[in-house]
Amino acid sequence: MKSPARSNSRAFSATINSRFGTVCVEFGDRSVTRVSFMESNSARSGNSPESLEAWQREILDLIDSYLAGKEVDLARVPVDLSHQPEFRRRVQEACRCIPYGMKLSYAELAARAGHPLAARAVGSAMSNNPVPLLVPCHRVVRSDGKLGGFSAPEGVRLKERLLAMEAGLT
């Protein structure tokens, strides 16, 4: 997906209701700036679809399709990682390359990001991921195969559900 043309500088958000709960997607001028899994008791409303630009609606449709269990390439969605420190940004960009249904260990992701001895720091970069799903941190696991952490509501349970969906188990 090409980066959309620059629009006015108004920020928009929209929500998607899915089997994984409510997901809020926030947009900047040309990209997604944040994806949040909402707490079940959160009352957050987004813009109506009519107020969003076509590129924003297309992104929401892609995320909605993914959450419905369809194999979708979310790596083509433009994201804004510019506010992340350089190391985190490199790790998060490397994480975007993990294909649907695949998993990497923190150590493997550290090597792909050019820092093979930084597996623990990769965990920190994943916990500071502003755009889960688009930077699929749920696909990063411990070297022993255990899931490790996940900072969204439901934590590791949500990570397990996303991985099961990608494996075709749900």
N, C-alpha and C. Protein backbone atom coordinates (compact mmCIF):
# COMPACT_ATOMS: atom_id res chain seq x y z
N MET A 1 0.85 -1.16 0.00
CA MET A 1 0.00 0.00 0.00
C MET A 1 0.90 1.23 0.00
N LYS A 2 0.62 2.17 -0.86
CA LYS A 2 1.36 3.41 -0.90
C LYS A 2 0.96 4.28 0.26
N SER A 3 1.89 5.12 0.71
CA SER A 3 1.51 6.10 1.72
C SER A 3 0.50 7.04 1.11
N PRO A 4 -0.55 7.34 1.83
CA PRO A 4 -1.55 8.23 1.28
C PRO A 4 -1.02 9.64 1.14
N ALA A 5 -1.65 10.40 0.30
CA ALA A 5 -1.28 11.79 0.13
C ALA A 5 -1.51 12.53 1.45
N ARG A 6 -0.69 13.53 1.69
CA ARG A 6 -0.81 14.30 2.92
C ARG A 6 -2.16 14.99 2.96
N SER A 7 -2.81 14.84 4.08
CA SER A 7 -4.09 15.51 4.27
C SER A 7 -3.88 16.65 5.25
N ASN A 8 -4.96 17.23 5.72
CA ASN A 8 -4.78 18.24 6.75
C ASN A 8 -4.26 17.55 8.00
N SER A 9 -3.84 18.32 8.98
CA SER A 9 -3.14 17.73 10.12
C SER A 9 -4.06 17.26 11.23
N ARG A 10 -5.35 17.10 10.94
CA ARG A 10 -6.27 16.59 11.96
C ARG A 10 -5.99 15.11 12.20
N ALA A 11 -5.97 14.74 13.46
CA ALA A 11 -5.81 13.33 13.80
C ALA A 11 -7.19 12.70 13.87
N PHE A 12 -7.29 11.47 13.45
CA PHE A 12 -8.55 10.74 13.46
C PHE A 12 -8.34 9.42 14.18
N SER A 13 -9.40 8.92 14.74
CA SER A 13 -9.38 7.57 15.28
C SER A 13 -10.68 6.90 14.90
N ALA A 14 -10.63 5.60 14.88
CA ALA A 14 -11.82 4.80 14.60
C ALA A 14 -11.69 3.50 15.37
N THR A 15 -12.81 2.89 15.65
CA THR A 15 -12.78 1.63 16.38
C THR A 15 -13.33 0.51 15.52
N ILE A 16 -12.83 -0.69 15.81
CA ILE A 16 -13.28 -1.91 15.16
C ILE A 16 -13.72 -2.84 16.27
N ASN A 17 -14.92 -3.37 16.15
CA ASN A 17 -15.40 -4.37 17.09
C ASN A 17 -15.13 -5.74 16.48
N SER A 18 -14.40 -6.57 17.22
CA SER A 18 -14.00 -7.87 16.68
C SER A 18 -14.14 -8.94 17.76
N ARG A 19 -13.88 -10.17 17.37
CA ARG A 19 -13.92 -11.26 18.35
C ARG A 19 -12.80 -11.13 19.39
N PHE A 20 -11.85 -10.24 19.14
CA PHE A 20 -10.77 -9.97 20.08
C PHE A 20 -11.05 -8.74 20.92
N GLY A 21 -12.24 -8.20 20.81
CA GLY A 21 -12.62 -7.00 21.54
C GLY A 21 -12.58 -5.78 20.65
N THR A 22 -12.67 -4.64 21.26
CA THR A 22 -12.65 -3.38 20.52
C THR A 22 -11.21 -2.94 20.31
N VAL A 23 -10.90 -2.59 19.07
CA VAL A 23 -9.57 -2.14 18.70
C VAL A 23 -9.71 -0.70 18.20
N CYS A 24 -8.91 0.19 18.76
CA CYS A 24 -8.91 1.59 18.35
C CYS A 24 -7.70 1.82 17.45
N VAL A 25 -7.93 2.43 16.31
CA VAL A 25 -6.87 2.75 15.35
C VAL A 25 -6.80 4.27 15.25
N GLU A 26 -5.63 4.83 15.50
CA GLU A 26 -5.43 6.27 15.41
C GLU A 26 -4.57 6.58 14.19
N PHE A 27 -4.97 7.62 13.49
CA PHE A 27 -4.30 8.02 12.26
C PHE A 27 -3.66 9.39 12.41
N GLY A 28 -2.49 9.56 11.82
CA GLY A 28 -1.88 10.86 11.65
C GLY A 28 -2.15 11.34 10.24
N ASP A 29 -1.29 12.19 9.74
CA ASP A 29 -1.47 12.75 8.40
C ASP A 29 -1.43 11.70 7.30
N ARG A 30 -0.50 10.75 7.42
CA ARG A 30 -0.31 9.81 6.31
C ARG A 30 -0.14 8.37 6.76
N SER A 31 -0.36 8.10 8.04
CA SER A 31 -0.07 6.76 8.54
C SER A 31 -0.84 6.49 9.82
N VAL A 32 -0.74 5.24 10.27
CA VAL A 32 -1.31 4.85 11.56
C VAL A 32 -0.30 5.20 12.64
N THR A 33 -0.77 5.85 13.68
CA THR A 33 0.12 6.25 14.78
C THR A 33 -0.04 5.37 16.01
N ARG A 34 -1.20 4.73 16.15
CA ARG A 34 -1.42 3.89 17.34
C ARG A 34 -2.53 2.90 17.05
N VAL A 35 -2.35 1.70 17.59
CA VAL A 35 -3.38 0.67 17.60
C VAL A 35 -3.50 0.21 19.04
N SER A 36 -4.69 0.24 19.58
CA SER A 36 -4.90 -0.12 20.98
C SER A 36 -6.03 -1.12 21.12
N PHE A 37 -5.78 -2.17 21.87
CA PHE A 37 -6.84 -3.07 22.29
C PHE A 37 -7.46 -2.43 23.52
N MET A 38 -8.76 -2.23 23.48
CA MET A 38 -9.43 -1.50 24.55
C MET A 38 -9.85 -2.45 25.67
N GLU A 39 -9.78 -1.92 26.89
CA GLU A 39 -10.33 -2.64 28.03
C GLU A 39 -11.82 -2.83 27.79
N SER A 40 -12.37 -3.90 28.28
CA SER A 40 -13.78 -4.18 28.01
C SER A 40 -14.71 -3.11 28.56
N ASN A 41 -14.30 -2.39 29.61
CA ASN A 41 -15.17 -1.36 30.18
C ASN A 41 -14.83 0.03 29.65
N SER A 42 -13.95 0.14 28.66
CA SER A 42 -13.60 1.44 28.09
C SER A 42 -14.71 1.90 27.16
N ALA A 43 -15.03 3.16 27.27
CA ALA A 43 -16.02 3.75 26.37
C ALA A 43 -15.28 4.78 25.52
N ARG A 44 -14.79 4.35 24.39
CA ARG A 44 -14.06 5.26 23.52
C ARG A 44 -14.68 5.19 22.15
N SER A 45 -15.03 6.33 21.63
CA SER A 45 -15.63 6.33 20.30
C SER A 45 -14.66 6.97 19.33
N GLY A 46 -14.72 6.52 18.12
CA GLY A 46 -13.89 7.07 17.07
C GLY A 46 -14.75 7.86 16.11
N ASN A 47 -14.11 8.35 15.07
CA ASN A 47 -14.82 9.05 14.02
C ASN A 47 -15.71 8.08 13.27
N SER A 48 -16.78 8.58 12.71
CA SER A 48 -17.62 7.73 11.89
C SER A 48 -16.87 7.43 10.60
N PRO A 49 -17.12 6.27 10.00
CA PRO A 49 -16.41 5.92 8.76
C PRO A 49 -16.56 6.98 7.67
N GLU A 50 -17.67 7.68 7.64
CA GLU A 50 -17.90 8.69 6.61
C GLU A 50 -16.93 9.86 6.75
N SER A 51 -16.43 10.12 7.96
CA SER A 51 -15.53 11.25 8.15
C SER A 51 -14.07 10.88 7.86
N LEU A 52 -13.80 9.62 7.61
CA LEU A 52 -12.45 9.17 7.32
C LEU A 52 -12.18 9.25 5.82
N GLU A 53 -10.92 9.43 5.50
CA GLU A 53 -10.53 9.43 4.10
C GLU A 53 -10.48 7.99 3.59
N ALA A 54 -10.48 7.83 2.28
CA ALA A 54 -10.51 6.50 1.67
C ALA A 54 -9.35 5.64 2.14
N TRP A 55 -8.15 6.19 2.26
CA TRP A 55 -6.99 5.39 2.69
C TRP A 55 -7.17 4.91 4.12
N GLN A 56 -7.81 5.72 4.97
CA GLN A 56 -8.05 5.31 6.35
C GLN A 56 -9.08 4.18 6.40
N ARG A 57 -10.13 4.31 5.61
CA ARG A 57 -11.14 3.25 5.56
C ARG A 57 -10.53 1.95 5.02
N GLU A 58 -9.64 2.06 4.04
CA GLU A 58 -8.98 0.87 3.50
C GLU A 58 -8.15 0.17 4.58
N ILE A 59 -7.45 0.93 5.38
CA ILE A 59 -6.66 0.35 6.48
C ILE A 59 -7.58 -0.32 7.50
N LEU A 60 -8.67 0.34 7.86
CA LEU A 60 -9.62 -0.27 8.80
C LEU A 60 -10.16 -1.58 8.24
N ASP A 61 -10.46 -1.60 6.96
CA ASP A 61 -10.96 -2.83 6.33
C ASP A 61 -9.91 -3.95 6.40
N LEU A 62 -8.64 -3.61 6.17
CA LEU A 62 -7.57 -4.61 6.25
C LEU A 62 -7.45 -5.17 7.67
N ILE A 63 -7.45 -4.28 8.66
CA ILE A 63 -7.33 -4.72 10.05
C ILE A 63 -8.55 -5.55 10.44
N ASP A 64 -9.73 -5.11 10.04
CA ASP A 64 -10.96 -5.85 10.33
C ASP A 64 -10.90 -7.24 9.70
N SER A 65 -10.43 -7.33 8.47
CA SER A 65 -10.29 -8.63 7.80
C SER A 65 -9.32 -9.53 8.55
N TYR A 66 -8.20 -8.94 8.97
CA TYR A 66 -7.22 -9.72 9.76
C TYR A 66 -7.89 -10.26 11.03
N LEU A 67 -8.56 -9.38 11.76
CA LEU A 67 -9.19 -9.79 13.02
C LEU A 67 -10.31 -10.81 12.81
N ALA A 68 -10.84 -10.87 11.61
CA ALA A 68 -11.87 -11.87 11.27
C ALA A 68 -11.24 -13.20 10.87
N GLY A 69 -9.90 -13.27 10.87
CA GLY A 69 -9.23 -14.53 10.59
C GLY A 69 -8.70 -14.69 9.18
N LYS A 70 -8.75 -13.65 8.39
CA LYS A 70 -8.24 -13.74 7.02
C LYS A 70 -6.75 -13.43 7.01
N GLU A 71 -6.01 -14.15 6.17
CA GLU A 71 -4.57 -13.90 6.05
C GLU A 71 -4.38 -12.62 5.26
N VAL A 72 -3.99 -11.58 5.96
CA VAL A 72 -3.86 -10.24 5.38
C VAL A 72 -2.43 -9.75 5.64
N ASP A 73 -1.83 -9.11 4.65
CA ASP A 73 -0.49 -8.55 4.80
C ASP A 73 -0.59 -7.14 5.37
N LEU A 74 -0.51 -7.04 6.69
CA LEU A 74 -0.59 -5.74 7.34
C LEU A 74 0.73 -4.98 7.27
N ALA A 75 1.80 -5.61 6.80
CA ALA A 75 3.09 -4.94 6.69
C ALA A 75 3.06 -3.82 5.66
N ARG A 76 2.07 -3.83 4.79
CA ARG A 76 2.00 -2.78 3.77
C ARG A 76 1.27 -1.53 4.27
N VAL A 77 0.69 -1.59 5.46
CA VAL A 77 0.02 -0.43 6.04
C VAL A 77 1.08 0.56 6.53
N PRO A 78 1.02 1.82 6.12
CA PRO A 78 2.02 2.79 6.59
C PRO A 78 1.83 3.08 8.08
N VAL A 79 2.92 3.00 8.83
CA VAL A 79 2.90 3.29 10.27
C VAL A 79 3.91 4.39 10.57
N ASP A 80 3.65 5.11 11.63
CA ASP A 80 4.56 6.16 12.07
C ASP A 80 5.31 5.68 13.30
N LEU A 81 6.58 5.34 13.11
CA LEU A 81 7.44 4.93 14.21
C LEU A 81 8.48 6.01 14.50
N SER A 82 8.27 7.21 13.97
CA SER A 82 9.27 8.27 14.05
C SER A 82 9.56 8.73 15.48
N HIS A 83 8.63 8.50 16.39
CA HIS A 83 8.85 8.94 17.77
C HIS A 83 9.56 7.89 18.61
N GLN A 84 9.85 6.76 18.02
CA GLN A 84 10.54 5.69 18.73
C GLN A 84 12.05 5.94 18.68
N PRO A 85 12.78 5.62 19.75
CA PRO A 85 14.24 5.69 19.67
C PRO A 85 14.75 4.75 18.57
N GLU A 86 15.92 5.02 18.05
CA GLU A 86 16.44 4.30 16.88
C GLU A 86 16.43 2.78 17.07
N PHE A 87 16.90 2.28 18.22
CA PHE A 87 16.95 0.83 18.42
C PHE A 87 15.55 0.24 18.35
N ARG A 88 14.60 0.83 19.07
CA ARG A 88 13.22 0.31 19.06
C ARG A 88 12.66 0.33 17.64
N ARG A 89 12.90 1.42 16.93
CA ARG A 89 12.38 1.52 15.56
C ARG A 89 12.96 0.42 14.67
N ARG A 90 14.26 0.15 14.80
CA ARG A 90 14.88 -0.91 13.99
C ARG A 90 14.27 -2.27 14.32
N VAL A 91 14.06 -2.54 15.60
CA VAL A 91 13.46 -3.81 16.02
C VAL A 91 12.02 -3.90 15.52
N GLN A 92 11.27 -2.83 15.68
CA GLN A 92 9.87 -2.84 15.25
C GLN A 92 9.75 -2.97 13.74
N GLU A 93 10.65 -2.35 13.00
CA GLU A 93 10.64 -2.50 11.53
C GLU A 93 10.99 -3.93 11.14
N ALA A 94 11.95 -4.54 11.84
CA ALA A 94 12.29 -5.94 11.57
C ALA A 94 11.12 -6.86 11.91
N CYS A 95 10.41 -6.54 12.97
CA CYS A 95 9.24 -7.33 13.38
C CYS A 95 8.15 -7.29 12.32
N ARG A 96 8.01 -6.17 11.63
CA ARG A 96 6.98 -6.06 10.58
C ARG A 96 7.18 -7.09 9.48
N CYS A 97 8.40 -7.63 9.36
CA CYS A 97 8.71 -8.59 8.30
C CYS A 97 8.40 -10.03 8.68
N ILE A 98 7.94 -10.26 9.91
CA ILE A 98 7.57 -11.62 10.31
C ILE A 98 6.26 -11.97 9.63
N PRO A 99 6.25 -12.99 8.77
CA PRO A 99 5.03 -13.31 8.01
C PRO A 99 3.91 -13.84 8.89
N TYR A 100 2.71 -13.68 8.41
CA TYR A 100 1.49 -14.21 9.02
C TYR A 100 1.72 -15.69 9.33
N GLY A 101 1.38 -16.08 10.55
CA GLY A 101 1.47 -17.48 10.94
C GLY A 101 2.84 -17.95 11.38
N MET A 102 3.85 -17.09 11.31
CA MET A 102 5.21 -17.45 11.71
C MET A 102 5.52 -16.83 13.07
N LYS A 103 6.52 -17.38 13.73
CA LYS A 103 6.98 -16.84 15.00
C LYS A 103 8.51 -16.75 14.95
N LEU A 104 9.06 -15.78 15.65
CA LEU A 104 10.50 -15.65 15.85
C LEU A 104 10.75 -15.51 17.34
N SER A 105 11.92 -15.93 17.75
CA SER A 105 12.30 -15.70 19.15
C SER A 105 12.83 -14.27 19.29
N TYR A 106 12.87 -13.81 20.52
CA TYR A 106 13.42 -12.48 20.78
C TYR A 106 14.86 -12.42 20.25
N ALA A 107 15.64 -13.49 20.43
CA ALA A 107 17.03 -13.52 19.96
C ALA A 107 17.10 -13.47 18.43
N GLU A 108 16.21 -14.20 17.76
CA GLU A 108 16.19 -14.16 16.29
C GLU A 108 15.83 -12.77 15.78
N LEU A 109 14.88 -12.13 16.43
CA LEU A 109 14.50 -10.79 16.02
C LEU A 109 15.64 -9.80 16.29
N ALA A 110 16.33 -9.98 17.40
CA ALA A 110 17.49 -9.12 17.70
C ALA A 110 18.53 -9.23 16.59
N ALA A 111 18.79 -10.45 16.13
CA ALA A 111 19.76 -10.65 15.05
C ALA A 111 19.27 -9.99 13.77
N ARG A 112 18.00 -10.14 13.44
CA ARG A 112 17.46 -9.52 12.23
C ARG A 112 17.52 -8.00 12.29
N ALA A 113 17.47 -7.45 13.50
CA ALA A 113 17.54 -5.99 13.66
C ALA A 113 18.99 -5.50 13.73
N GLY A 114 19.94 -6.43 13.61
CA GLY A 114 21.35 -6.04 13.61
C GLY A 114 21.99 -5.97 14.98
N HIS A 115 21.33 -6.52 15.99
CA HIS A 115 21.84 -6.51 17.36
C HIS A 115 21.70 -7.90 17.98
N PRO A 116 22.52 -8.86 17.54
CA PRO A 116 22.31 -10.26 17.92
C PRO A 116 22.40 -10.55 19.43
N LEU A 117 22.97 -9.66 20.20
CA LEU A 117 23.09 -9.91 21.65
C LEU A 117 22.05 -9.14 22.46
N ALA A 118 21.06 -8.60 21.81
CA ALA A 118 20.12 -7.70 22.49
C ALA A 118 18.72 -8.29 22.65
N ALA A 119 18.63 -9.59 22.88
CA ALA A 119 17.32 -10.23 22.99
C ALA A 119 16.47 -9.61 24.10
N ARG A 120 17.07 -9.30 25.23
CA ARG A 120 16.30 -8.71 26.34
C ARG A 120 15.78 -7.32 25.95
N ALA A 121 16.60 -6.55 25.25
CA ALA A 121 16.19 -5.22 24.81
C ALA A 121 15.08 -5.30 23.77
N VAL A 122 15.05 -6.39 22.99
CA VAL A 122 13.96 -6.60 22.03
C VAL A 122 12.64 -6.71 22.78
N GLY A 123 12.65 -7.40 23.91
CA GLY A 123 11.43 -7.50 24.72
C GLY A 123 10.93 -6.13 25.13
N SER A 124 11.85 -5.25 25.50
CA SER A 124 11.47 -3.88 25.86
C SER A 124 10.90 -3.13 24.65
N ALA A 125 11.53 -3.32 23.49
CA ALA A 125 11.03 -2.67 22.27
C ALA A 125 9.63 -3.16 21.93
N MET A 126 9.37 -4.45 22.15
CA MET A 126 8.03 -4.99 21.86
C MET A 126 7.01 -4.44 22.85
N SER A 127 7.40 -4.25 24.11
CA SER A 127 6.44 -3.75 25.10
C SER A 127 6.14 -2.26 24.89
N ASN A 128 6.94 -1.59 24.09
CA ASN A 128 6.71 -0.18 23.77
C ASN A 128 6.23 0.01 22.33
N ASN A 129 5.61 -1.00 21.78
CA ASN A 129 5.13 -0.99 20.41
C ASN A 129 3.81 -0.19 20.34
N PRO A 130 3.80 0.93 19.61
CA PRO A 130 2.57 1.72 19.55
C PRO A 130 1.52 1.18 18.58
N VAL A 131 1.91 0.21 17.74
CA VAL A 131 0.99 -0.27 16.71
C VAL A 131 0.96 -1.80 16.64
N PRO A 132 0.55 -2.47 17.74
CA PRO A 132 0.45 -3.93 17.66
C PRO A 132 -0.47 -4.33 16.52
N LEU A 133 -0.28 -5.48 16.00
CA LEU A 133 -0.87 -6.04 14.79
C LEU A 133 -0.10 -5.56 13.57
N LEU A 134 0.12 -4.24 13.44
CA LEU A 134 0.87 -3.71 12.31
C LEU A 134 2.36 -3.95 12.49
N VAL A 135 2.84 -3.88 13.72
CA VAL A 135 4.14 -4.41 14.13
C VAL A 135 3.74 -5.62 14.97
N PRO A 136 3.74 -6.81 14.37
CA PRO A 136 3.10 -7.98 14.99
C PRO A 136 3.93 -8.58 16.14
N CYS A 137 4.00 -7.85 17.23
CA CYS A 137 4.80 -8.29 18.37
C CYS A 137 4.27 -9.59 18.99
N HIS A 138 3.02 -9.94 18.69
CA HIS A 138 2.47 -11.21 19.19
C HIS A 138 3.20 -12.40 18.56
N ARG A 139 3.93 -12.18 17.47
CA ARG A 139 4.66 -13.26 16.79
C ARG A 139 6.06 -13.46 17.34
N VAL A 140 6.41 -12.73 18.39
CA VAL A 140 7.73 -12.86 19.01
C VAL A 140 7.58 -13.63 20.32
N VAL A 141 8.34 -14.72 20.42
CA VAL A 141 8.22 -15.63 21.57
C VAL A 141 9.60 -15.89 22.18
N ARG A 142 9.59 -16.51 23.31
CA ARG A 142 10.86 -16.87 23.97
C ARG A 142 11.56 -17.97 23.19
N SER A 143 12.85 -18.11 23.38
CA SER A 143 13.61 -19.13 22.65
C SER A 143 13.20 -20.55 23.04
N ASP A 144 12.59 -20.73 24.22
CA ASP A 144 12.11 -22.05 24.61
C ASP A 144 10.71 -22.35 24.07
N GLY A 145 10.18 -21.43 23.25
CA GLY A 145 8.87 -21.62 22.64
C GLY A 145 7.72 -21.07 23.46
N LYS A 146 7.97 -20.71 24.72
CA LYS A 146 6.90 -20.12 25.53
C LYS A 146 6.61 -18.72 25.01
N LEU A 147 5.41 -18.26 25.29
CA LEU A 147 4.95 -17.04 24.65
C LEU A 147 5.62 -15.76 25.12
N GLY A 148 6.04 -15.68 26.36
CA GLY A 148 6.57 -14.41 26.85
C GLY A 148 5.42 -13.47 27.14
N GLY A 149 5.68 -12.18 27.20
CA GLY A 149 4.66 -11.21 27.57
C GLY A 149 3.92 -10.63 26.38
N PHE A 150 2.86 -9.88 26.72
CA PHE A 150 2.12 -9.12 25.72
C PHE A 150 1.42 -8.02 26.50
N SER A 151 1.61 -6.78 26.08
CA SER A 151 1.17 -5.64 26.89
C SER A 151 -0.28 -5.22 26.69
N ALA A 152 -1.00 -5.84 25.78
CA ALA A 152 -2.41 -5.49 25.57
C ALA A 152 -3.27 -6.07 26.68
N PRO A 153 -4.51 -5.55 26.84
CA PRO A 153 -5.42 -6.20 27.79
C PRO A 153 -5.54 -7.68 27.45
N GLU A 154 -5.70 -8.50 28.42
CA GLU A 154 -5.71 -9.96 28.33
C GLU A 154 -4.29 -10.51 28.25
N GLY A 155 -3.29 -9.67 28.01
CA GLY A 155 -1.90 -10.10 28.03
C GLY A 155 -1.61 -11.31 27.16
N VAL A 156 -0.95 -12.30 27.76
CA VAL A 156 -0.54 -13.49 27.03
C VAL A 156 -1.73 -14.26 26.46
N ARG A 157 -2.87 -14.18 27.10
CA ARG A 157 -4.07 -14.87 26.58
C ARG A 157 -4.45 -14.34 25.20
N LEU A 158 -4.38 -13.01 25.01
CA LEU A 158 -4.68 -12.42 23.71
C LEU A 158 -3.61 -12.83 22.69
N LYS A 159 -2.37 -12.83 23.09
CA LYS A 159 -1.27 -13.26 22.21
C LYS A 159 -1.52 -14.70 21.75
N GLU A 160 -1.89 -15.55 22.67
CA GLU A 160 -2.17 -16.95 22.36
C GLU A 160 -3.34 -17.06 21.38
N ARG A 161 -4.38 -16.27 21.57
CA ARG A 161 -5.55 -16.31 20.68
C ARG A 161 -5.20 -15.83 19.27
N LEU A 162 -4.39 -14.77 19.16
CA LEU A 162 -3.97 -14.27 17.85
C LEU A 162 -3.13 -15.31 17.11
N LEU A 163 -2.19 -15.93 17.84
CA LEU A 163 -1.34 -16.95 17.21
C LEU A 163 -2.17 -18.17 16.80
N ALA A 164 -3.13 -18.56 17.62
CA ALA A 164 -4.00 -19.68 17.27
C ALA A 164 -4.82 -19.36 16.01
N MET A 165 -5.30 -18.13 15.91
CA MET A 165 -6.05 -17.74 14.73
C MET A 165 -5.15 -17.85 13.49
N GLU A 166 -3.92 -17.33 13.60
CA GLU A 166 -3.01 -17.38 12.46
C GLU A 166 -2.62 -18.80 12.07
N ALA A 167 -2.62 -19.69 13.04
CA ALA A 167 -2.29 -21.09 12.77
C ALA A 167 -3.50 -21.86 12.26
N GLY A 168 -4.64 -21.20 12.16
CA GLY A 168 -5.85 -21.84 11.67
C GLY A 168 -6.52 -22.71 12.70
N LEU A 169 -6.24 -22.47 13.97
CA LEU A 169 -6.79 -23.31 15.04
C LEU A 169 -8.09 -22.78 15.62
N THR A 170 -8.53 -21.61 15.15
CA THR A 170 -9.79 -21.06 15.68
C THR A 170 -10.73 -20.72 14.56
